Amino acid sequence: MALPTLYTAYEVAGKLRVNRRSVYQWLSSGHLGGFKAGQSWRVTEDDLIMFMKRRSLPAVGQEFDAEKQEFDGEKKGHPGR
């Protein structure tokens, strides 16, 4: 059984191209899954991917097809808007 890939809040902020403060707010509010390891937050790759899907953000390595309005063949809508 392989260990899950874990990211720090700093790494998540870099991947999403947002301020680290936004990541901490999402973690504290429960919008982004994560756990505390001592005084630091850790986010699993699965939690990050689920967060990105809920926010209609392309996963790392996915490309957006503007003509088809989808990411790598997966139709993306805007639920809740």
Protein backbone atom coordinates (compact mmCIF):
# COMPACT_ATOMS: atom_id res chain seq x y z
CA MET A 1 0.00 0.00 0.00
CA ALA A 2 1.49 3.29 -1.14
CA LEU A 3 1.44 6.39 1.01
CA PRO A 4 -0.65 9.30 -0.31
CA THR A 5 1.07 12.34 -1.78
CA LEU A 6 0.89 15.22 0.70
CA TYR A 7 1.20 18.92 -0.05
CA THR A 8 1.83 21.87 2.25
CA ALA A 9 -0.36 24.98 2.09
CA TYR A 10 2.52 26.72 0.32
CA GLU A 11 2.66 23.99 -2.36
CA VAL A 12 -1.14 24.06 -2.83
CA ALA A 13 -1.03 27.85 -3.23
CA GLY A 14 1.63 27.47 -5.91
CA LYS A 15 -0.31 24.81 -7.81
CA LEU A 16 -3.55 26.84 -7.73
CA ARG A 17 -1.75 30.16 -8.27
CA VAL A 18 -3.42 31.79 -5.28
CA ASN A 19 -2.26 33.45 -2.09
CA ARG A 20 -1.36 31.10 0.75
CA ARG A 21 -3.88 32.95 2.94
CA SER A 22 -6.68 31.74 0.62
CA VAL A 23 -5.53 28.14 1.09
CA TYR A 24 -5.57 28.54 4.89
CA GLN A 25 -9.09 30.01 4.73
CA TRP A 26 -10.32 27.10 2.56
CA LEU A 27 -8.72 24.61 4.95
CA SER A 28 -10.17 26.26 8.07
CA SER A 29 -13.66 26.50 6.56
CA GLY A 30 -13.61 22.91 5.29
CA HIS A 31 -13.88 23.85 1.61
CA LEU A 32 -10.53 22.16 1.05
CA GLY A 33 -9.88 18.87 2.81
CA GLY A 34 -6.72 18.64 4.87
CA PHE A 35 -5.33 17.84 8.27
CA LYS A 36 -2.96 19.34 10.78
CA ALA A 37 0.46 17.74 11.20
CA GLY A 38 1.70 19.52 14.28
CA GLN A 39 1.14 23.20 13.53
CA SER A 40 1.20 22.79 9.74
CA TRP A 41 -1.58 21.85 7.36
CA ARG A 42 -1.22 18.96 4.90
CA VAL A 43 -3.47 18.27 1.89
CA THR A 44 -3.62 14.92 0.13
CA GLU A 45 -3.50 14.84 -3.65
CA ASP A 46 -7.01 13.31 -3.67
CA ASP A 47 -8.38 16.19 -1.56
CA LEU A 48 -6.74 18.71 -3.87
CA ILE A 49 -8.17 17.06 -7.00
CA MET A 50 -11.67 16.90 -5.47
CA PHE A 51 -11.44 20.60 -4.54
CA MET A 52 -10.35 21.49 -8.06
CA LYS A 53 -13.20 19.50 -9.62
CA ARG A 54 -15.77 21.18 -7.37
CA ARG A 55 -14.35 24.56 -8.40
CA SER A 56 -14.18 23.58 -12.10
CA LEU A 57 -10.41 24.01 -12.15
CA PRO A 58 -8.29 21.81 -14.41
CA ALA A 59 -6.32 19.17 -12.54
CA VAL A 60 -2.56 19.35 -12.78
CA GLY A 61 -1.62 18.14 -16.26
CA GLN A 62 -5.09 18.62 -17.78
CA GLU A 63 -5.57 20.95 -20.71
CA PHE A 64 -8.67 23.00 -21.50
CA ASP A 65 -10.24 22.68 -24.97
CA ALA A 66 -11.91 26.08 -25.52
CA GLU A 67 -13.91 24.90 -28.53
CA LYS A 68 -15.46 21.96 -26.68
CA GLN A 69 -15.61 23.76 -23.30
CA GLU A 70 -14.13 20.73 -21.53
CA PHE A 71 -10.99 19.47 -19.84
CA ASP A 72 -9.34 16.47 -21.54
CA GLY A 73 -12.64 15.05 -22.72
CA GLU A 74 -14.58 15.55 -19.47
CA LYS A 75 -17.54 17.94 -19.79
CA LYS A 76 -17.39 20.67 -17.15
CA GLY A 77 -20.47 22.60 -16.09
CA HIS A 78 -20.96 25.30 -13.55
CA PRO A 79 -23.25 23.80 -10.90
CA GLY A 80 -24.63 26.19 -8.36
CA ARG A 81 -24.30 29.27 -10.57
